[in-house]
Amino acid sequence: MSRTARFIWAPHPYRAGFCITDDTDAATLESVKIVYDFLSAVGLRTSKTVWAFGPSEPCGIPALPESIQRGITCEDRSYLHYCQTLRERGFEICLHGASAGNNRRARTIAALEFLERHFGPAGTYVCHAKNAENLYWHEKVAPRGPAQWLLGLGSHYRCSGEDPASPYFWGDVCLEKVQHIRLFRTRNVNTLAENPSMPYHDPEKPRVRSWFSATKRSFKDCTTPEALEQLRGEHGLCVLYQYMHRHAYLDRGTVKAGLREGAERLMAAGDIWVDTTSAVMARLRAMQGIFMARRKNLLWVGNANEFEVGGVQLSLPGGVGITSTDPGVVQEGNRLRIAAVRTGELVPLRSTEPIRIEGGRVLDLDERERGALRFPSGRILVNAAPRRWEDENGGGLEGGRCRAEFEGESNVKGFSRAGIRELYRLLSGQLAILGREVLFKGRSLDTGKFLGEKEILLEDHDAW
């Protein structure tokens, strides 16, 4: 009877990962500098959002109170310069919208050009509040059908960034410029456990290349010894949603103890990869193109990406031994590492006993050591035999090679989509967060609560 192995998404030598998407709402230069000078000193790189411009319109249709637009922008030259120094130190600078207000098409395009000019391109984008240019927002976050209809009944706001008829349309530019947008939130410290397909493409939302989820918890919660051990044990990933500037004591010029202690513990872990959101999403995306082919005790790790993938790891069942003719393959206890898998390459392995691979990235080859692995937008052809595989259409595949063939949209070549169960689980998690805040934190179920109000108070994310 075969036993189960699994790919570890993080690169060798890491067992898990951690990244932060930092909302810029209500930030000041002083608070940002206190926090980011500390983060830089300990080596904890984040994805920091910015607003390129000050608002020219209210936020939302209908408009929210002006307090939702609080926060410094890159029109402040001192702030712009400081954020440029952060980029030089390895932080990711990305947009939280062109501004804190609704942004028409030309303004969003100008902000993307501003970002590239001053910071270089960023793959990450985080929508702000109820900005009219947000794509597939409010009820449209749900799959089409009853859930979307029910959410629409209670929605007071209109967002239309994906609609070509809207003055806020920029979906075509988003598809070209943005790699991934944050969408659902979860309470699980291990975000990847709730959204294993991230970053994923959703055909119902064709103007966005891919989506990812985030954990809505306090930084302190997610960096306890128990939380870090959970990430290790599950080979997980925490994508943390935070307002980092709020970890500053302005009167003392220092960061709060929770941030200091958690950051030092996280960075001392050694086996948890901490990097920007775009770096982490790029790794997840790369691993979606890594797969296993097998025939009896013969195994092949293949790379269907258009680029080399390094530091590939597998977690093996206890007592299973792996040998290979590839010098880059090394077994260390119950972990196997492969130094690099080149594009289109099959790395040969031999197991001491039959093993299964957890998940869908595995195919059984036929007696000629050939096969095809289906994925949502195409297939991967595999020829582990030494001879060339000729097909009936006049094409072929050399021996010891693999190749991905994509169907449909050529501009979204992704191996991953979230299934309907996963999407409804993510939606349920989002609604559970809302329910928790209604029951225990005094949040109103009325989505129009803030209409006509003078101020929106900031959430206390230490109590998340």
Protein backbone atom coordinates (compact mmCIF):
# COMPACT_ATOMS: atom_id res chain seq x y z
CA MET A 1 0.00 0.00 0.00
CA SER A 2 1.39 3.40 -1.00
CA ARG A 3 2.01 6.12 1.57
CA THR A 4 1.59 9.87 1.21
CA ALA A 5 4.21 12.50 0.45
CA ARG A 6 3.59 16.18 -0.25
CA PHE A 7 5.30 19.09 -1.91
CA ILE A 8 6.42 21.87 0.42
CA TRP A 9 5.65 25.18 -1.28
CA ALA A 10 8.40 27.17 0.49
CA PRO A 11 11.93 27.05 -0.94
CA HIS A 12 14.64 25.06 0.81
CA PRO A 13 15.54 25.37 3.69
CA TYR A 14 12.26 26.90 4.87
CA ARG A 15 9.30 24.97 6.28
CA ALA A 16 6.69 27.77 6.12
CA GLY A 17 6.24 31.43 5.21
CA PHE A 18 5.05 34.80 6.46
CA CYS A 19 4.25 38.06 4.65
CA ILE A 20 2.37 41.25 5.44
CA THR A 21 0.09 43.51 3.38
CA ASP A 22 0.16 46.89 5.12
CA ASP A 23 -2.78 49.26 4.57
CA THR A 24 -1.74 52.90 4.47
CA ASP A 25 -5.04 54.26 5.90
CA ALA A 26 -4.42 57.15 8.33
CA ALA A 27 -0.62 56.77 8.15
CA THR A 28 1.73 59.66 8.87
CA LEU A 29 5.37 60.01 7.97
CA GLU A 30 6.32 59.97 11.63
CA SER A 31 4.42 56.77 12.48
CA VAL A 32 5.57 55.00 9.32
CA LYS A 33 9.19 55.92 9.94
CA ILE A 34 9.16 54.63 13.54
CA VAL A 35 7.77 51.25 12.47
CA TYR A 36 9.68 50.78 9.24
CA ASP A 37 13.04 51.78 10.64
CA PHE A 38 12.51 49.01 13.19
CA LEU A 39 11.32 46.47 10.59
CA SER A 40 14.30 47.29 8.41
CA ALA A 41 16.68 46.82 11.34
CA VAL A 42 15.38 43.31 12.08
CA GLY A 43 15.09 42.36 8.38
CA LEU A 44 11.30 41.97 8.25
CA ARG A 45 10.29 43.08 4.76
CA THR A 46 6.64 43.84 4.03
CA SER A 47 4.43 44.98 1.18
CA LYS A 48 3.59 48.57 2.06
CA THR A 49 0.71 50.23 0.27
CA VAL A 50 0.73 53.92 -0.66
CA TRP A 51 -1.56 56.46 -2.24
CA ALA A 52 0.13 58.21 -5.13
CA PHE A 53 -2.13 61.26 -4.98
CA GLY A 54 -4.46 63.14 -2.69
CA PRO A 55 -8.18 62.46 -3.29
CA SER A 56 -10.07 64.44 -5.95
CA GLU A 57 -13.41 62.73 -5.28
CA PRO A 58 -15.12 61.22 -2.21
CA CYS A 59 -14.63 57.54 -1.41
CA GLY A 60 -17.57 55.43 -2.48
CA ILE A 61 -20.82 55.90 -4.39
CA PRO A 62 -22.67 57.08 -2.31
CA ALA A 63 -19.90 58.93 -0.51
CA LEU A 64 -18.42 57.87 2.81
CA PRO A 65 -17.29 60.48 5.38
CA GLU A 66 -14.07 62.36 4.60
CA SER A 67 -12.33 60.63 7.51
CA ILE A 68 -11.98 57.49 5.33
CA GLN A 69 -9.47 59.51 3.27
CA ARG A 70 -7.08 60.24 6.15
CA GLY A 71 -3.43 59.49 5.51
CA ILE A 72 -0.28 60.86 3.93
CA THR A 73 0.29 60.47 0.18
CA CYS A 74 3.29 60.45 -2.14
CA GLU A 75 2.55 64.09 -3.01
CA ASP A 76 4.43 64.79 0.22
CA ARG A 77 8.04 64.85 -1.02
CA SER A 78 9.53 63.77 2.31
CA TYR A 79 7.23 60.76 2.46
CA LEU A 80 7.93 59.88 -1.18
CA HIS A 81 11.67 59.99 -0.52
CA TYR A 82 11.33 57.82 2.61
CA CYS A 83 9.27 55.21 0.73
CA GLN A 84 11.94 55.17 -1.98
CA THR A 85 14.55 54.33 0.66
CA LEU A 86 12.29 51.48 1.81
CA ARG A 87 12.14 50.14 -1.73
CA GLU A 88 15.94 50.24 -1.87
CA ARG A 89 15.99 48.20 1.37
CA GLY A 90 13.88 45.43 -0.19
CA PHE A 91 10.35 46.41 0.83
CA GLU A 92 7.58 46.25 -1.77
CA ILE A 93 5.77 49.53 -2.43
CA CYS A 94 2.35 49.00 -4.00
CA LEU A 95 -0.91 50.87 -4.53
CA HIS A 96 -3.93 51.10 -2.25
CA GLY A 97 -5.69 52.78 -5.12
CA ALA A 98 -4.46 55.91 -6.86
CA SER A 99 -5.88 57.89 -3.95
CA ALA A 100 -8.19 57.44 -0.97
CA GLY A 101 -11.12 58.70 -3.05
CA ASN A 102 -12.80 57.35 -6.16
CA ASN A 103 -10.36 57.35 -9.08
CA ARG A 104 -11.38 57.62 -12.69
CA ARG A 105 -9.54 55.69 -15.38
CA ALA A 106 -6.95 58.34 -16.28
CA ARG A 107 -6.09 58.90 -12.63
CA THR A 108 -5.56 55.18 -11.94
CA ILE A 109 -3.35 54.86 -15.02
CA ALA A 110 -1.37 57.91 -13.89
CA ALA A 111 -0.88 56.32 -10.46
CA LEU A 112 0.41 53.08 -11.95
CA GLU A 113 2.85 55.06 -14.09
CA PHE A 114 3.87 57.06 -11.01
CA LEU A 115 4.52 53.84 -9.10
CA GLU A 116 6.69 52.38 -11.86
CA ARG A 117 8.63 55.63 -12.26
CA HIS A 118 9.44 56.06 -8.57
CA PHE A 119 9.48 52.49 -7.21
CA GLY A 120 9.43 50.08 -10.13
CA PRO A 121 6.46 47.83 -10.92
CA ALA A 122 4.69 46.04 -8.06
CA GLY A 123 2.72 42.86 -8.52
CA THR A 124 0.48 43.44 -5.49
CA TYR A 125 -2.60 45.69 -5.41
CA VAL A 126 -4.89 46.25 -2.41
CA CYS A 127 -8.30 47.87 -2.93
CA HIS A 128 -9.29 50.73 -0.60
CA ALA A 129 -12.61 50.77 1.27
CA LYS A 130 -15.45 51.37 -1.19
CA ASN A 131 -13.58 53.20 -3.96
CA ALA A 132 -15.64 53.16 -7.15
CA GLU A 133 -12.74 51.73 -9.19
CA ASN A 134 -12.48 48.58 -7.05
CA LEU A 135 -12.92 45.52 -9.24
CA TYR A 136 -15.55 42.85 -8.53
CA TRP A 137 -16.26 44.35 -5.10
CA HIS A 138 -19.14 44.08 -2.61
CA GLU A 139 -21.64 41.41 -3.70
CA LYS A 140 -19.47 40.54 -6.72
CA VAL A 141 -16.84 38.95 -4.45
CA ALA A 142 -19.20 35.95 -4.22
CA PRO A 143 -19.64 33.37 -6.98
CA ARG A 144 -22.57 34.09 -9.27
CA GLY A 145 -25.84 32.73 -7.98
CA PRO A 146 -27.81 32.91 -4.74
CA ALA A 147 -24.92 34.12 -2.55
CA GLN A 148 -24.17 37.06 -4.84
CA TRP A 149 -27.87 37.92 -5.08
CA LEU A 150 -28.29 37.85 -1.30
CA LEU A 151 -25.22 40.03 -0.73
CA GLY A 152 -26.52 42.45 -3.33
CA LEU A 153 -29.76 42.94 -1.41
CA GLY A 154 -27.88 44.58 1.45
CA SER A 155 -25.33 46.56 -0.58
CA HIS A 156 -25.62 50.35 -0.77
CA TYR A 157 -22.45 50.90 -2.80
CA ARG A 158 -21.47 50.63 -6.45
CA CYS A 159 -17.96 49.68 -7.62
CA SER A 160 -17.29 49.24 -11.32
CA GLY A 161 -13.57 49.01 -12.08
CA GLU A 162 -14.24 45.95 -14.26
CA ASP A 163 -17.05 47.58 -16.32
CA PRO A 164 -15.95 49.13 -19.67
CA ALA A 165 -19.01 51.40 -19.59
CA SER A 166 -17.92 52.99 -16.28
CA PRO A 167 -15.72 56.11 -16.00
CA TYR A 168 -13.86 54.16 -13.28
CA PHE A 169 -13.00 51.26 -15.60
CA TRP A 170 -9.39 50.09 -15.62
CA GLY A 171 -9.81 46.32 -15.83
CA ASP A 172 -7.83 46.02 -19.06
CA VAL A 173 -4.90 47.88 -17.47
CA CYS A 174 -5.21 45.79 -14.31
CA LEU A 175 -4.88 42.61 -16.36
CA GLU A 176 -1.72 43.97 -17.93
CA LYS A 177 -0.05 45.59 -14.90
CA VAL A 178 -1.21 43.80 -11.72
CA GLN A 179 -0.30 40.24 -10.77
CA HIS A 180 -2.59 39.70 -7.77
CA ILE A 181 -5.22 41.51 -5.67
CA ARG A 182 -6.16 40.84 -2.05
CA LEU A 183 -9.75 39.66 -1.63
CA PHE A 184 -11.09 37.37 1.12
CA ARG A 185 -10.03 37.38 4.76
CA THR A 186 -9.80 34.57 7.28
CA ARG A 187 -9.14 34.16 11.00
CA ASN A 188 -6.82 31.20 10.43
CA VAL A 189 -3.17 32.03 11.10
CA ASN A 190 -2.36 29.71 8.20
CA THR A 191 -3.96 31.62 5.31
CA LEU A 192 -2.85 28.96 2.84
CA ALA A 193 -4.91 26.30 4.62
CA GLU A 194 -8.08 28.27 3.80
CA ASN A 195 -7.01 29.30 0.30
CA PRO A 196 -4.67 26.54 -0.98
CA SER A 197 -5.13 27.56 -4.62
CA MET A 198 -3.79 31.10 -4.13
CA PRO A 199 -2.84 33.00 -6.14
CA TYR A 200 -5.78 31.79 -8.25
CA HIS A 201 -7.55 32.98 -11.38
CA ASP A 202 -11.35 33.19 -11.34
CA PRO A 203 -12.99 32.98 -14.82
CA GLU A 204 -15.99 34.86 -13.42
CA LYS A 205 -13.62 37.77 -12.73
CA PRO A 206 -11.62 37.85 -16.00
CA ARG A 207 -10.14 41.35 -15.57
CA VAL A 208 -8.01 40.24 -12.62
CA ARG A 209 -5.04 37.97 -13.24
CA SER A 210 -5.16 36.37 -9.78
CA TRP A 211 -6.45 36.78 -6.23
CA PHE A 212 -5.07 35.99 -2.79
CA SER A 213 -6.51 35.97 0.71
CA ALA A 214 -5.25 37.44 3.99
CA THR A 215 -5.46 36.67 7.69
CA LYS A 216 -7.27 39.25 9.82
CA ARG A 217 -5.63 38.78 13.21
CA SER A 218 -3.31 40.84 15.37
CA PHE A 219 0.41 40.65 14.66
CA LYS A 220 0.85 39.45 18.24
CA ASP A 221 -1.57 36.54 17.66
CA CYS A 222 0.23 35.42 14.53
CA THR A 223 3.74 35.48 15.99
CA THR A 224 3.23 33.58 19.25
CA PRO A 225 5.36 30.42 19.63
CA GLU A 226 2.18 28.38 19.11
CA ALA A 227 1.24 30.22 15.89
CA LEU A 228 4.73 29.82 14.44
CA GLU A 229 4.73 26.13 15.35
CA GLN A 230 1.37 25.76 13.59
CA LEU A 231 2.85 27.27 10.44
CA ARG A 232 5.83 24.92 10.61
CA GLY A 233 3.74 21.81 11.26
CA GLU A 234 1.34 22.59 8.41
CA HIS A 235 4.04 23.90 6.03
CA GLY A 236 1.77 26.92 5.99
CA LEU A 237 1.80 30.58 5.06
CA CYS A 238 0.46 33.56 6.98
CA VAL A 239 -0.50 36.50 4.73
CA LEU A 240 -1.19 39.05 7.44
CA TYR A 241 -3.43 42.10 6.94
CA GLN A 242 -2.28 45.03 9.11
CA TYR A 243 -2.06 48.80 9.61
CA MET A 244 1.62 48.69 10.50
CA HIS A 245 1.95 52.38 11.37
CA ARG A 246 -0.40 51.82 14.29
CA HIS A 247 2.29 49.81 16.06
CA ALA A 248 4.15 53.08 16.77
CA TYR A 249 4.26 55.03 20.03
CA LEU A 250 4.44 58.55 18.64
CA ASP A 251 5.18 60.13 22.01
CA ARG A 252 8.08 57.74 22.66
CA GLY A 253 9.36 57.36 19.11
CA THR A 254 9.40 53.55 19.51
CA VAL A 255 7.37 50.56 18.39
CA LYS A 256 4.95 48.79 20.70
CA ALA A 257 6.16 45.77 22.64
CA GLY A 258 3.87 43.38 20.74
CA LEU A 259 5.49 44.27 17.43
CA ARG A 260 9.01 44.21 18.79
CA GLU A 261 8.69 40.85 20.53
CA GLY A 262 6.75 39.19 17.71
CA ALA A 263 9.07 40.45 14.98
CA GLU A 264 12.19 39.36 16.84
CA ARG A 265 10.68 35.92 17.48
CA LEU A 266 9.61 35.55 13.84
CA MET A 267 12.98 36.59 12.44
CA ALA A 268 14.85 34.35 14.88
CA ALA A 269 12.86 31.29 13.76
CA GLY A 270 15.19 30.63 10.83
CA ASP A 271 12.92 28.08 9.14
CA ILE A 272 10.07 30.49 8.31
CA TRP A 273 10.54 32.47 5.10
CA VAL A 274 9.67 36.15 5.56
CA ASP A 275 9.43 38.28 2.43
CA THR A 276 7.19 40.61 0.45
CA THR A 277 3.76 39.52 -0.76
CA SER A 278 4.84 39.57 -4.40
CA ALA A 279 7.88 37.40 -3.68
CA VAL A 280 5.75 34.88 -1.78
CA MET A 281 2.98 34.84 -4.42
CA ALA A 282 5.58 34.33 -7.16
CA ARG A 283 6.84 31.26 -5.29
CA LEU A 284 3.34 29.86 -4.84
CA ARG A 285 2.66 30.44 -8.54
CA ALA A 286 5.91 28.71 -9.50
CA MET A 287 5.10 25.68 -7.34
CA GLN A 288 1.72 25.36 -9.07
CA GLY A 289 3.71 24.35 -12.18
CA ILE A 290 5.72 21.69 -10.30
CA PHE A 291 4.21 18.19 -10.42
CA MET A 292 5.00 14.51 -9.89
CA ALA A 293 4.71 11.72 -12.45
CA ARG A 294 5.03 8.09 -11.36
CA ARG A 295 5.09 4.50 -12.51
CA LYS A 296 5.43 1.93 -9.72
CA ASN A 297 8.55 2.93 -7.73
CA LEU A 298 9.82 5.27 -10.45
CA LEU A 299 9.05 8.95 -9.93
CA TRP A 300 9.73 12.13 -11.87
CA VAL A 301 9.44 15.71 -10.61
CA GLY A 302 8.55 17.95 -13.54
CA ASN A 303 8.51 21.70 -14.15
CA ALA A 304 5.84 22.95 -16.57
CA ASN A 305 6.68 26.62 -15.92
CA GLU A 306 8.51 28.77 -18.45
CA PHE A 307 11.31 29.35 -15.92
CA GLU A 308 13.56 27.36 -13.60
CA VAL A 309 12.35 26.63 -10.05
CA GLY A 310 14.97 26.19 -7.33
CA GLY A 311 14.90 24.72 -3.84
CA VAL A 312 12.02 22.30 -4.49
CA GLN A 313 11.14 20.20 -1.43
CA LEU A 314 9.01 17.15 -0.66
CA SER A 315 7.93 15.92 2.75
CA LEU A 316 8.27 12.13 2.74
CA PRO A 317 6.60 9.42 4.83
CA GLY A 318 8.84 8.03 7.54
CA GLY A 319 11.16 5.25 6.43
CA VAL A 320 10.88 5.97 2.70
CA GLY A 321 14.18 6.34 0.86
CA ILE A 322 14.73 8.17 -2.43
CA THR A 323 17.65 7.82 -4.83
CA SER A 324 18.39 9.74 -8.03
CA THR A 325 20.95 10.08 -10.77
CA ASP A 326 20.58 13.86 -10.44
CA PRO A 327 23.36 15.22 -8.15
CA GLY A 328 21.07 18.05 -7.06
CA VAL A 329 18.73 15.63 -5.26
CA VAL A 330 19.46 15.19 -1.55
CA GLN A 331 17.40 13.43 1.13
CA GLU A 332 17.63 14.87 4.64
CA GLY A 333 15.58 12.66 6.96
CA ASN A 334 11.96 12.90 5.89
CA ARG A 335 12.59 15.82 3.53
CA LEU A 336 13.80 15.61 -0.05
CA ARG A 337 15.27 18.66 -1.73
CA ILE A 338 16.02 19.26 -5.39
CA ALA A 339 18.48 22.08 -6.05
CA ALA A 340 16.74 23.16 -9.28
CA VAL A 341 14.21 21.89 -11.80
CA ARG A 342 14.73 23.53 -15.18
CA THR A 343 11.81 24.43 -17.41
CA GLY A 344 10.40 21.40 -19.20
CA GLU A 345 12.69 19.07 -17.24
CA LEU A 346 11.83 15.79 -15.51
CA VAL A 347 14.06 14.94 -12.53
CA PRO A 348 14.15 11.12 -12.12
CA LEU A 349 13.72 9.54 -8.69
CA ARG A 350 13.39 6.01 -7.38
CA SER A 351 11.51 5.23 -4.18
CA THR A 352 12.11 2.26 -1.87
CA GLU A 353 8.34 1.77 -1.81
CA PRO A 354 5.28 3.16 -3.65
CA ILE A 355 4.18 6.61 -2.46
CA ARG A 356 1.22 8.84 -3.20
CA ILE A 357 1.46 12.63 -3.57
CA GLU A 358 -1.01 14.74 -1.64
CA GLY A 359 -3.10 17.03 -3.86
CA GLY A 360 -3.85 17.00 -7.57
CA ARG A 361 -0.38 17.57 -9.02
CA VAL A 362 0.37 13.92 -9.77
CA LEU A 363 -0.26 11.62 -12.72
CA ASP A 364 0.28 7.93 -13.33
CA LEU A 365 2.16 7.23 -16.54
CA ASP A 366 1.24 4.40 -18.93
CA GLU A 367 3.44 1.44 -19.78
CA ARG A 368 5.32 3.63 -22.27
CA GLU A 369 6.02 6.16 -19.47
CA ARG A 370 3.84 8.84 -21.04
CA GLY A 371 0.77 10.72 -19.88
CA ALA A 372 -1.17 13.97 -19.65
CA LEU A 373 -2.10 15.84 -16.47
CA ARG A 374 -5.17 18.06 -16.70
CA PHE A 375 -5.39 21.40 -14.89
CA PRO A 376 -8.24 23.94 -15.05
CA SER A 377 -6.97 25.84 -18.11
CA GLY A 378 -5.09 23.17 -20.02
CA ARG A 379 -2.90 20.10 -19.70
CA ILE A 380 0.70 19.06 -19.08
CA LEU A 381 2.17 16.49 -21.46
CA VAL A 382 4.80 14.19 -19.95
CA ASN A 383 7.23 11.88 -21.75
CA ALA A 384 9.52 10.16 -19.26
CA ALA A 385 10.67 7.60 -21.86
CA PRO A 386 13.99 8.07 -23.69
CA ARG A 387 12.34 8.20 -27.14
CA ARG A 388 10.49 11.13 -28.68
CA TRP A 389 6.69 11.03 -28.39
CA GLU A 390 4.98 11.79 -31.71
CA ASP A 391 1.33 12.72 -31.56
CA GLU A 392 -1.42 12.44 -34.15
CA ASN A 393 -1.40 16.19 -34.88
CA GLY A 394 2.18 16.22 -36.10
CA GLY A 395 3.61 17.59 -32.88
CA GLY A 396 5.76 15.78 -30.39
CA LEU A 397 7.71 15.79 -27.16
CA GLU A 398 11.32 14.79 -26.67
CA GLY A 399 12.20 12.05 -24.19
CA GLY A 400 12.56 13.10 -20.54
CA ARG A 401 10.56 16.30 -21.09
CA CYS A 402 7.24 17.90 -20.18
CA ARG A 403 5.25 20.77 -21.68
CA ALA A 404 2.21 22.83 -20.63
CA GLU A 405 -0.52 23.54 -23.17
CA PHE A 406 -2.94 26.31 -22.20
CA GLU A 407 -6.48 26.73 -23.46
CA GLY A 408 -8.64 29.84 -23.66
CA GLU A 409 -7.21 33.20 -22.56
CA SER A 410 -3.58 33.38 -23.59
CA ASN A 411 -2.90 36.38 -21.31
CA VAL A 412 -3.72 34.44 -18.12
CA LYS A 413 -1.42 31.42 -18.16
CA GLY A 414 -2.11 30.10 -14.69
CA PHE A 415 -2.15 26.55 -13.34
CA SER A 416 -4.54 27.29 -10.46
CA ARG A 417 -8.20 28.13 -9.99
CA ALA A 418 -10.24 28.03 -6.82
CA GLY A 419 -13.00 25.46 -6.93
CA ILE A 420 -16.54 26.37 -5.94
CA ARG A 421 -16.17 24.69 -2.52
CA GLU A 422 -13.03 26.68 -1.77
CA LEU A 423 -14.68 29.94 -2.86
CA TYR A 424 -17.72 29.31 -0.65
CA ARG A 425 -15.44 28.36 2.26
CA LEU A 426 -13.58 31.66 1.81
CA LEU A 427 -16.85 33.57 1.61
CA SER A 428 -18.11 31.80 4.74
CA GLY A 429 -14.90 32.74 6.54
CA GLN A 430 -15.38 36.36 5.54
CA LEU A 431 -18.97 36.33 6.78
CA ALA A 432 -17.84 34.65 10.02
CA ILE A 433 -15.46 37.55 10.64
CA LEU A 434 -18.35 39.95 10.12
CA GLY A 435 -20.56 37.93 12.46
CA ARG A 436 -17.86 37.87 15.14
CA GLU A 437 -17.49 41.65 14.93
CA VAL A 438 -21.26 42.14 15.14
CA LEU A 439 -21.58 39.86 18.19
CA PHE A 440 -18.50 40.90 20.13
CA LYS A 441 -17.30 44.26 18.82
CA GLY A 442 -20.44 46.27 18.22
CA ARG A 443 -20.26 46.32 14.42
CA SER A 444 -23.52 47.13 12.64
CA LEU A 445 -24.99 44.87 9.97
CA ASP A 446 -26.21 47.97 8.13
CA THR A 447 -23.83 48.53 5.21
CA GLY A 448 -25.15 52.07 4.95
CA LYS A 449 -24.33 52.84 8.57
CA PHE A 450 -21.67 55.43 7.73
CA LEU A 451 -23.74 57.38 5.22
CA GLY A 452 -24.26 60.83 6.67
CA GLU A 453 -21.76 60.26 9.49
CA LYS A 454 -18.98 62.78 10.07
CA GLU A 455 -16.23 60.30 10.96
CA ILE A 456 -15.29 56.63 10.66
CA LEU A 457 -13.23 55.46 13.60
CA LEU A 458 -10.20 53.26 12.94
CA GLU A 459 -10.42 49.61 13.98
CA ASP A 460 -8.20 48.51 16.84
CA HIS A 461 -6.28 45.72 15.12
CA ASP A 462 -4.61 44.74 18.40
CA ALA A 463 -8.07 43.34 19.23
CA TRP A 464 -8.49 41.51 15.92
